[in-house]
PDB file of N, CA and C in Angstrom:
ATOM      1  N   MET A   1      -3.309 -19.797   4.552  1.00  0.00           N
ATOM      2  CA  MET A   1      -3.995 -18.536   4.436  1.00  0.00           C
ATOM      3  C   MET A   1      -3.710 -17.876   3.085  1.00  0.00           C
ATOM      4  N   PHE A   2      -2.455 -17.957   2.612  1.00  0.00           N
ATOM      5  CA  PHE A   2      -2.126 -17.338   1.333  1.00  0.00           C
ATOM      6  C   PHE A   2      -2.913 -17.994   0.207  1.00  0.00           C
ATOM      7  N   ASP A   3      -3.092 -19.322   0.266  1.00  0.00           N
ATOM      8  CA  ASP A   3      -3.887 -20.003  -0.755  1.00  0.00           C
ATOM      9  C   ASP A   3      -5.323 -19.496  -0.765  1.00  0.00           C
ATOM     10  N   GLU A   4      -5.865 -19.266   0.416  1.00  0.00           N
ATOM     11  CA  GLU A   4      -7.219 -18.716   0.495  1.00  0.00           C
ATOM     12  C   GLU A   4      -7.274 -17.340  -0.149  1.00  0.00           C
ATOM     13  N   PHE A   5      -6.206 -16.556   0.047  1.00  0.00           N
ATOM     14  CA  PHE A   5      -6.140 -15.224  -0.563  1.00  0.00           C
ATOM     15  C   PHE A   5      -6.136 -15.339  -2.079  1.00  0.00           C
ATOM     16  N   LEU A   6      -5.347 -16.252  -2.618  1.00  0.00           N
ATOM     17  CA  LEU A   6      -5.230 -16.392  -4.065  1.00  0.00           C
ATOM     18  C   LEU A   6      -6.473 -16.998  -4.690  1.00  0.00           C
ATOM     19  N   LEU A   7      -7.086 -17.954  -4.008  1.00  0.00           N
ATOM     20  CA  LEU A   7      -8.169 -18.706  -4.603  1.00  0.00           C
ATOM     21  C   LEU A   7      -9.556 -18.249  -4.149  1.00  0.00           C
ATOM     22  N   GLY A   8      -9.604 -17.446  -3.125  1.00  0.00           N
ATOM     23  CA  GLY A   8     -10.894 -17.058  -2.569  1.00  0.00           C
ATOM     24  C   GLY A   8     -11.690 -16.150  -3.476  1.00  0.00           C
ATOM     25  N   GLU A   9     -12.959 -16.098  -3.193  1.00  0.00           N
ATOM     26  CA  GLU A   9     -13.868 -15.248  -3.957  1.00  0.00           C
ATOM     27  C   GLU A   9     -13.541 -13.770  -3.779  1.00  0.00           C
ATOM     28  N   ASP A  10     -12.886 -13.452  -2.695  1.00  0.00           N
ATOM     29  CA  ASP A  10     -12.627 -12.052  -2.363  1.00  0.00           C
ATOM     30  C   ASP A  10     -11.257 -11.580  -2.831  1.00  0.00           C
ATOM     31  N   PHE A  11     -10.682 -12.225  -3.828  1.00  0.00           N
ATOM     32  CA  PHE A  11      -9.341 -11.844  -4.265  1.00  0.00           C
ATOM     33  C   PHE A  11      -9.260 -10.362  -4.600  1.00  0.00           C
ATOM     34  N   ASP A  12     -10.194  -9.858  -5.388  1.00  0.00           N
ATOM     35  CA  ASP A  12     -10.152  -8.451  -5.784  1.00  0.00           C
ATOM     36  C   ASP A  12     -10.247  -7.523  -4.572  1.00  0.00           C
ATOM     37  N   ASP A  13     -11.129  -7.858  -3.646  1.00  0.00           N
ATOM     38  CA  ASP A  13     -11.262  -7.042  -2.438  1.00  0.00           C
ATOM     39  C   ASP A  13      -9.985  -7.088  -1.602  1.00  0.00           C
ATOM     40  N   ASN A  14      -9.396  -8.270  -1.470  1.00  0.00           N
ATOM     41  CA  ASN A  14      -8.166  -8.408  -0.693  1.00  0.00           C
ATOM     42  C   ASN A  14      -7.002  -7.693  -1.377  1.00  0.00           C
ATOM     43  N   PHE A  15      -6.931  -7.788  -2.687  1.00  0.00           N
ATOM     44  CA  PHE A  15      -5.883  -7.095  -3.438  1.00  0.00           C
ATOM     45  C   PHE A  15      -6.018  -5.590  -3.232  1.00  0.00           C
ATOM     46  N   LYS A  16      -7.236  -5.078  -3.328  1.00  0.00           N
ATOM     47  CA  LYS A  16      -7.479  -3.644  -3.147  1.00  0.00           C
ATOM     48  C   LYS A  16      -7.137  -3.226  -1.725  1.00  0.00           C
ATOM     49  N   LYS A  17      -7.487  -4.052  -0.762  1.00  0.00           N
ATOM     50  CA  LYS A  17      -7.156  -3.751   0.627  1.00  0.00           C
ATOM     51  C   LYS A  17      -5.634  -3.679   0.794  1.00  0.00           C
ATOM     52  N   GLY A  18      -4.914  -4.567   0.124  1.00  0.00           N
ATOM     53  CA  GLY A  18      -3.456  -4.573   0.197  1.00  0.00           C
ATOM     54  C   GLY A  18      -2.831  -3.310  -0.363  1.00  0.00           C
ATOM     55  N   ILE A  19      -3.340  -2.857  -1.510  1.00  0.00           N
ATOM     56  CA  ILE A  19      -2.763  -1.634  -2.064  1.00  0.00           C
ATOM     57  C   ILE A  19      -3.175  -0.413  -1.251  1.00  0.00           C
ATOM     58  N   ASP A  20      -4.402  -0.425  -0.713  1.00  0.00           N
ATOM     59  CA  ASP A  20      -4.834   0.697   0.126  1.00  0.00           C
ATOM     60  C   ASP A  20      -4.015   0.767   1.419  1.00  0.00           C
ATOM     61  N   ASN A  21      -3.755  -0.376   2.044  1.00  0.00           N
ATOM     62  CA  ASN A  21      -2.915  -0.389   3.246  1.00  0.00           C
ATOM     63  C   ASN A  21      -1.519   0.133   2.929  1.00  0.00           C
ATOM     64  N   SER A  22      -0.981  -0.282   1.801  1.00  0.00           N
ATOM     65  CA  SER A  22       0.351   0.171   1.406  1.00  0.00           C
ATOM     66  C   SER A  22       0.353   1.668   1.133  1.00  0.00           C
ATOM     67  N   TYR A  23      -0.673   2.155   0.477  1.00  0.00           N
ATOM     68  CA  TYR A  23      -0.814   3.591   0.207  1.00  0.00           C
ATOM     69  C   TYR A  23      -0.809   4.374   1.521  1.00  0.00           C
ATOM     70  N   LEU A  24      -1.558   3.904   2.502  1.00  0.00           N
ATOM     71  CA  LEU A  24      -1.625   4.590   3.787  1.00  0.00           C
ATOM     72  C   LEU A  24      -0.253   4.663   4.452  1.00  0.00           C
ATOM     73  N   ILE A  25       0.530   3.588   4.336  1.00  0.00           N
ATOM     74  CA  ILE A  25       1.874   3.584   4.913  1.00  0.00           C
ATOM     75  C   ILE A  25       2.804   4.481   4.101  1.00  0.00           C
ATOM     76  N   PHE A  26       2.777   4.353   2.770  1.00  0.00           N
ATOM     77  CA  PHE A  26       3.641   5.179   1.913  1.00  0.00           C
ATOM     78  C   PHE A  26       3.436   6.666   2.194  1.00  0.00           C
ATOM     79  N   THR A  27       2.190   7.070   2.378  1.00  0.00           N
ATOM     80  CA  THR A  27       1.873   8.487   2.539  1.00  0.00           C
ATOM     81  C   THR A  27       1.924   8.952   3.994  1.00  0.00           C
ATOM     82  N   GLY A  28       2.218   8.049   4.904  1.00  0.00           N
ATOM     83  CA  GLY A  28       2.344   8.414   6.309  1.00  0.00           C
ATOM     84  C   GLY A  28       1.025   8.625   7.027  1.00  0.00           C
ATOM     85  N   GLN A  29      -0.070   8.201   6.425  1.00  0.00           N
ATOM     86  CA  GLN A  29      -1.378   8.375   7.057  1.00  0.00           C
ATOM     87  C   GLN A  29      -1.631   7.363   8.163  1.00  0.00           C
ATOM     88  N   ARG A  30      -1.020   6.191   8.040  1.00  0.00           N
ATOM     89  CA  ARG A  30      -1.139   5.138   9.062  1.00  0.00           C
ATOM     90  C   ARG A  30       0.204   4.426   9.147  1.00  0.00           C
ATOM     91  N   THR A  31       0.411   3.752  10.236  1.00  0.00           N
ATOM     92  CA  THR A  31       1.619   2.947  10.405  1.00  0.00           C
ATOM     93  C   THR A  31       1.250   1.469  10.330  1.00  0.00           C
ATOM     94  N   TYR A  32       2.245   0.649  10.118  1.00  0.00           N
ATOM     95  CA  TYR A  32       2.029  -0.795  10.085  1.00  0.00           C
ATOM     96  C   TYR A  32       1.374  -1.274  11.389  1.00  0.00           C
ATOM     97  N   PRO A  33       1.900  -0.892  12.559  1.00  0.00           N
ATOM     98  CA  PRO A  33       1.242  -1.346  13.797  1.00  0.00           C
ATOM     99  C   PRO A  33      -0.212  -0.893  13.912  1.00  0.00           C
ATOM    100  N   GLU A  34      -0.520   0.306  13.433  1.00  0.00           N
ATOM    101  CA  GLU A  34      -1.903   0.773  13.486  1.00  0.00           C
ATOM    102  C   GLU A  34      -2.811  -0.102  12.623  1.00  0.00           C
ATOM    103  N   ILE A  35      -2.321  -0.474  11.465  1.00  0.00           N
ATOM    104  CA  ILE A  35      -3.138  -1.288  10.557  1.00  0.00           C
ATOM    105  C   ILE A  35      -3.348  -2.688  11.111  1.00  0.00           C
ATOM    106  N   ILE A  36      -2.289  -3.298  11.610  1.00  0.00           N
ATOM    107  CA  ILE A  36      -2.438  -4.683  12.090  1.00  0.00           C
ATOM    108  C   ILE A  36      -3.122  -4.774  13.442  1.00  0.00           C
ATOM    109  N   SER A  37      -3.297  -3.641  14.116  1.00  0.00           N
ATOM    110  CA  SER A  37      -3.973  -3.681  15.416  1.00  0.00           C
ATOM    111  C   SER A  37      -5.477  -3.898  15.280  1.00  0.00           C
ATOM    112  N   ASN A  38      -6.009  -3.798  14.068  1.00  0.00           N
ATOM    113  CA  ASN A  38      -7.436  -4.052  13.847  1.00  0.00           C
ATOM    114  C   ASN A  38      -7.672  -5.558  13.834  1.00  0.00           C
ATOM    115  N   GLU A  39      -7.996  -6.094  14.988  1.00  0.00           N
ATOM    116  CA  GLU A  39      -8.229  -7.531  15.099  1.00  0.00           C
ATOM    117  C   GLU A  39      -9.496  -7.907  14.346  1.00  0.00           C
ATOM    118  N   GLY A  40      -9.530  -9.116  13.881  1.00  0.00           N
ATOM    119  CA  GLY A  40     -10.694  -9.602  13.160  1.00  0.00           C
ATOM    120  C   GLY A  40     -10.653  -9.274  11.684  1.00  0.00           C
ATOM    121  N   GLU A  41      -9.629  -8.573  11.244  1.00  0.00           N
ATOM    122  CA  GLU A  41      -9.481  -8.254   9.829  1.00  0.00           C
ATOM    123  C   GLU A  41      -8.236  -8.933   9.294  1.00  0.00           C
ATOM    124  N   ASP A  42      -8.279  -9.297   8.031  1.00  0.00           N
ATOM    125  CA  ASP A  42      -7.073  -9.782   7.372  1.00  0.00           C
ATOM    126  C   ASP A  42      -6.248  -8.565   7.008  1.00  0.00           C
ATOM    127  N   HIS A  43      -4.934  -8.733   7.026  1.00  0.00           N
ATOM    128  CA  HIS A  43      -4.037  -7.616   6.746  1.00  0.00           C
ATOM    129  C   HIS A  43      -3.178  -7.966   5.542  1.00  0.00           C
ATOM    130  N   PHE A  44      -3.414  -7.261   4.463  1.00  0.00           N
ATOM    131  CA  PHE A  44      -2.663  -7.477   3.236  1.00  0.00           C
ATOM    132  C   PHE A  44      -1.892  -6.220   2.906  1.00  0.00           C
ATOM    133  N   PHE A  45      -0.735  -6.412   2.275  1.00  0.00           N
ATOM    134  CA  PHE A  45       0.101  -5.301   1.883  1.00  0.00           C
ATOM    135  C   PHE A  45       0.670  -5.572   0.500  1.00  0.00           C
ATOM    136  N   PHE A  46       0.886  -4.511  -0.240  1.00  0.00           N
ATOM    137  CA  PHE A  46       1.452  -4.592  -1.576  1.00  0.00           C
ATOM    138  C   PHE A  46       2.959  -4.810  -1.520  1.00  0.00           C
ATOM    139  N   PHE A  47       3.579  -4.475  -0.403  1.00  0.00           N
ATOM    140  CA  PHE A  47       5.015  -4.597  -0.227  1.00  0.00           C
ATOM    141  C   PHE A  47       5.286  -5.110   1.176  1.00  0.00           C
ATOM    142  N   ASP A  48       6.529  -5.459   1.432  1.00  0.00           N
ATOM    143  CA  ASP A  48       6.922  -5.910   2.756  1.00  0.00           C
ATOM    144  C   ASP A  48       7.016  -4.684   3.663  1.00  0.00           C
ATOM    145  N   PRO A  49       6.163  -4.568   4.677  1.00  0.00           N
ATOM    146  CA  PRO A  49       6.160  -3.373   5.524  1.00  0.00           C
ATOM    147  C   PRO A  49       7.450  -3.188   6.329  1.00  0.00           C
ATOM    148  N   ASP A  50       8.280  -4.215   6.398  1.00  0.00           N
ATOM    149  CA  ASP A  50       9.544  -4.106   7.125  1.00  0.00           C
ATOM    150  C   ASP A  50      10.659  -3.519   6.269  1.00  0.00           C
ATOM    151  N   ILE A  51      10.383  -3.300   4.994  1.00  0.00           N
ATOM    152  CA  ILE A  51      11.397  -2.774   4.077  1.00  0.00           C
ATOM    153  C   ILE A  51      10.930  -1.412   3.569  1.00  0.00           C
ATOM    154  N   THR A  52      11.842  -0.452   3.558  1.00  0.00           N
ATOM    155  CA  THR A  52      11.515   0.875   3.036  1.00  0.00           C
ATOM    156  C   THR A  52      11.174   0.751   1.557  1.00  0.00           C
ATOM    157  N   PRO A  53      10.043   1.301   1.132  1.00  0.00           N
ATOM    158  CA  PRO A  53       9.639   1.163  -0.273  1.00  0.00           C
ATOM    159  C   PRO A  53      10.582   1.917  -1.210  1.00  0.00           C
ATOM    160  N   SER A  54      10.781   1.337  -2.367  1.00  0.00           N
ATOM    161  CA  SER A  54      11.617   1.972  -3.385  1.00  0.00           C
ATOM    162  C   SER A  54      10.740   2.838  -4.291  1.00  0.00           C
ATOM    163  N   LYS A  55      11.381   3.626  -5.142  1.00  0.00           N
ATOM    164  CA  LYS A  55      10.623   4.399  -6.125  1.00  0.00           C
ATOM    165  C   LYS A  55       9.852   3.462  -7.051  1.00  0.00           C
ATOM    166  N   GLU A  56      10.437   2.320  -7.360  1.00  0.00           N
ATOM    167  CA  GLU A  56       9.738   1.340  -8.203  1.00  0.00           C
ATOM    168  C   GLU A  56       8.466   0.852  -7.538  1.00  0.00           C
ATOM    169  N   ASP A  57       8.511   0.627  -6.234  1.00  0.00           N
ATOM    170  CA  ASP A  57       7.306   0.212  -5.503  1.00  0.00           C
ATOM    171  C   ASP A  57       6.213   1.273  -5.643  1.00  0.00           C
ATOM    172  N   ILE A  58       6.614   2.517  -5.507  1.00  0.00           N
ATOM    173  CA  ILE A  58       5.645   3.608  -5.590  1.00  0.00           C
ATOM    174  C   ILE A  58       5.100   3.725  -7.007  1.00  0.00           C
ATOM    175  N   TRP A  59       5.976   3.603  -8.018  1.00  0.00           N
ATOM    176  CA  TRP A  59       5.495   3.639  -9.407  1.00  0.00           C
ATOM    177  C   TRP A  59       4.511   2.503  -9.670  1.00  0.00           C
ATOM    178  N   ASP A  60       4.818   1.313  -9.153  1.00  0.00           N
ATOM    179  CA  ASP A  60       3.903   0.183  -9.338  1.00  0.00           C
ATOM    180  C   ASP A  60       2.532   0.504  -8.747  1.00  0.00           C
ATOM    181  N   LEU A  61       2.539   1.106  -7.578  1.00  0.00           N
ATOM    182  CA  LEU A  61       1.279   1.461  -6.933  1.00  0.00           C
ATOM    183  C   LEU A  61       0.538   2.529  -7.736  1.00  0.00           C
ATOM    184  N   ILE A  62       1.261   3.473  -8.302  1.00  0.00           N
ATOM    185  CA  ILE A  62       0.641   4.502  -9.147  1.00  0.00           C
ATOM    186  C   ILE A  62      -0.045   3.853 -10.343  1.00  0.00           C
ATOM    187  N   TYR A  63       0.648   2.932 -10.999  1.00  0.00           N
ATOM    188  CA  TYR A  63       0.059   2.268 -12.176  1.00  0.00           C
ATOM    189  C   TYR A  63      -1.214   1.499 -11.802  1.00  0.00           C
ATOM    190  N   ILE A  64      -1.197   0.875 -10.636  1.00  0.00           N
ATOM    191  CA  ILE A  64      -2.385   0.130 -10.197  1.00  0.00           C
ATOM    192  C   ILE A  64      -3.540   1.093  -9.915  1.00  0.00           C
ATOM    193  N   TYR A  65      -3.241   2.192  -9.234  1.00  0.00           N
ATOM    194  CA  TYR A  65      -4.305   3.162  -8.944  1.00  0.00           C
ATOM    195  C   TYR A  65      -4.828   3.821 -10.217  1.00  0.00           C
ATOM    196  N   GLU A  66      -4.005   3.934 -11.243  1.00  0.00           N
ATOM    197  CA  GLU A  66      -4.513   4.429 -12.524  1.00  0.00           C
ATOM    198  C   GLU A  66      -5.590   3.500 -13.065  1.00  0.00           C
ATOM    199  N   GLU A  67      -5.391   2.203 -12.920  1.00  0.00           N
ATOM    200  CA  GLU A  67      -6.388   1.228 -13.371  1.00  0.00           C
ATOM    201  C   GLU A  67      -7.698   1.373 -12.601  1.00  0.00           C
ATOM    202  N   TYR A  68      -7.603   1.735 -11.324  1.00  0.00           N
ATOM    203  CA  TYR A  68      -8.798   1.957 -10.507  1.00  0.00           C
ATOM    204  C   TYR A  68      -9.352   3.376 -10.683  1.00  0.00           C
ATOM    205  N   GLU A  69      -8.679   4.183 -11.486  1.00  0.00           N
ATOM    206  CA  GLU A  69      -9.047   5.577 -11.737  1.00  0.00           C
ATOM    207  C   GLU A  69      -9.099   6.405 -10.453  1.00  0.00           C
ATOM    208  N   GLU A  70      -8.154   6.145  -9.565  1.00  0.00           N
ATOM    209  CA  GLU A  70      -8.030   6.895  -8.317  1.00  0.00           C
ATOM    210  C   GLU A  70      -6.858   7.864  -8.480  1.00  0.00           C
ATOM    211  N   TYR A  71      -7.121   8.930  -9.231  1.00  0.00           N
ATOM    212  CA  TYR A  71      -6.070   9.839  -9.658  1.00  0.00           C
ATOM    213  C   TYR A  71      -5.546  10.727  -8.530  1.00  0.00           C
ATOM    214  N   GLU A  72      -6.353  10.991  -7.519  1.00  0.00           N
ATOM    215  CA  GLU A  72      -5.849  11.767  -6.384  1.00  0.00           C
ATOM    216  C   GLU A  72      -4.754  10.998  -5.658  1.00  0.00           C
ATOM    217  N   LYS A  73      -4.938   9.700  -5.522  1.00  0.00           N
ATOM    218  CA  LYS A  73      -3.908   8.878  -4.886  1.00  0.00           C
ATOM    219  C   LYS A  73      -2.660   8.831  -5.767  1.00  0.00           C
ATOM    220  N   CYS A  74      -2.863   8.739  -7.075  1.00  0.00           N
ATOM    221  CA  CYS A  74      -1.723   8.754  -8.004  1.00  0.00           C
ATOM    222  C   CYS A  74      -0.925  10.034  -7.827  1.00  0.00           C
ATOM    223  N   SER A  75      -1.615  11.147  -7.729  1.00  0.00           N
ATOM    224  CA  SER A  75      -0.962  12.437  -7.582  1.00  0.00           C
ATOM    225  C   SER A  75      -0.170  12.516  -6.288  1.00  0.00           C
ATOM    226  N   GLU A  76      -0.757  12.050  -5.216  1.00  0.00           N
ATOM    227  CA  GLU A  76      -0.060  12.100  -3.931  1.00  0.00           C
ATOM    228  C   GLU A  76       1.183  11.207  -3.949  1.00  0.00           C
ATOM    229  N   LEU A  77       1.064  10.035  -4.560  1.00  0.00           N
ATOM    230  CA  LEU A  77       2.221   9.150  -4.668  1.00  0.00           C
ATOM    231  C   LEU A  77       3.290   9.757  -5.568  1.00  0.00           C
ATOM    232  N   LEU A  78       2.883  10.382  -6.646  1.00  0.00           N
ATOM    233  CA  LEU A  78       3.835  11.033  -7.543  1.00  0.00           C
ATOM    234  C   LEU A  78       4.581  12.149  -6.821  1.00  0.00           C
ATOM    235  N   ASN A  79       3.892  12.853  -5.932  1.00  0.00           N
ATOM    236  CA  ASN A  79       4.557  13.881  -5.127  1.00  0.00           C
ATOM    237  C   ASN A  79       5.639  13.292  -4.239  1.00  0.00           C
ATOM    238  N   LEU A  80       5.426  12.085  -3.737  1.00  0.00           N
ATOM    239  CA  LEU A  80       6.458  11.428  -2.925  1.00  0.00           C
ATOM    240  C   LEU A  80       7.728  11.206  -3.743  1.00  0.00           C
ATOM    241  N   ILE A  81       7.558  10.816  -4.985  1.00  0.00           N
ATOM    242  CA  ILE A  81       8.703  10.530  -5.843  1.00  0.00           C
ATOM    243  C   ILE A  81       9.437  11.816  -6.212  1.00  0.00           C
ATOM    244  N   SER A  82       8.692  12.882  -6.443  1.00  0.00           N
ATOM    245  CA  SER A  82       9.306  14.106  -6.938  1.00  0.00           C
ATOM    246  C   SER A  82       9.914  14.973  -5.841  1.00  0.00           C
ATOM    247  N   ARG A  83       9.659  14.665  -4.592  1.00  0.00           N
ATOM    248  CA  ARG A  83      10.265  15.435  -3.503  1.00  0.00           C
ATOM    249  C   ARG A  83      11.760  15.130  -3.469  1.00  0.00           C
ATOM    250  N   PRO A  84      12.591  16.151  -3.400  1.00  0.00           N
ATOM    251  CA  PRO A  84      14.038  15.897  -3.375  1.00  0.00           C
ATOM    252  C   PRO A  84      14.471  15.202  -2.089  1.00  0.00           C
ATOM    253  N   LYS A  85      15.171  14.091  -2.273  1.00  0.00           N
ATOM    254  CA  LYS A  85      15.771  13.353  -1.177  1.00  0.00           C
ATOM    255  C   LYS A  85      14.810  13.049  -0.035  1.00  0.00           C
ATOM    256  N   LYS A  86      13.569  12.789  -0.362  1.00  0.00           N
ATOM    257  CA  LYS A  86      12.570  12.418   0.630  1.00  0.00           C
ATOM    258  C   LYS A  86      12.880  11.006   1.117  1.00  0.00           C
ATOM    259  N   LYS A  87      13.020  10.846   2.413  1.00  0.00           N
ATOM    260  CA  LYS A  87      13.218   9.519   2.980  1.00  0.00           C
ATOM    261  C   LYS A  87      11.867   8.964   3.368  1.00  0.00           C
ATOM    262  N   PHE A  88      11.624   7.744   2.997  1.00  0.00           N
ATOM    263  CA  PHE A  88      10.390   7.085   3.375  1.00  0.00           C
ATOM    264  C   PHE A  88      10.600   6.470   4.745  1.00  0.00           C
ATOM    265  N   THR A  89       9.629   6.632   5.618  1.00  0.00           N
ATOM    266  CA  THR A  89       9.749   6.080   6.941  1.00  0.00           C
ATOM    267  C   THR A  89       8.636   5.092   7.198  1.00  0.00           C
ATOM    268  N   LYS A  90       8.958   4.137   8.014  1.00  0.00           N
ATOM    269  CA  LYS A  90       7.978   3.134   8.404  1.00  0.00           C
ATOM    270  C   LYS A  90       7.504   3.461   9.804  1.00  0.00           C
ATOM    271  N   GLY A  91       6.368   2.908  10.154  1.00  0.00           N
ATOM    272  CA  GLY A  91       5.883   3.060  11.521  1.00  0.00           C
ATOM    273  C   GLY A  91       6.745   2.272  12.482  1.00  0.00           C
ATOM    274  N   ALA A  92       6.809   2.703  13.695  1.00  0.00           N
ATOM    275  CA  ALA A  92       7.653   2.032  14.700  1.00  0.00           C
ATOM    276  C   ALA A  92       7.015   0.768  15.179  1.00  0.00           C
TER     277      ALA A  92
END
């Protein structure tokens, strides 16, 4: 399946889906179980959903969203970094 992801025609779409899924988890809008419960869809993530994201993970996502010119998402992610002692939580 990973080879299909890398070599398939839909690489860009799958990559975007992965960063969008990660964004939803980082910002607390969706949980990992909620995302994977959508049967019939492939589930891609920018990071390992079982590991709490680091500030570096969030910065990487900000840089990627800058390339897509999605500045509202960049701003929301930047707010996560600038909050004092904000703990990132994963879905149960």
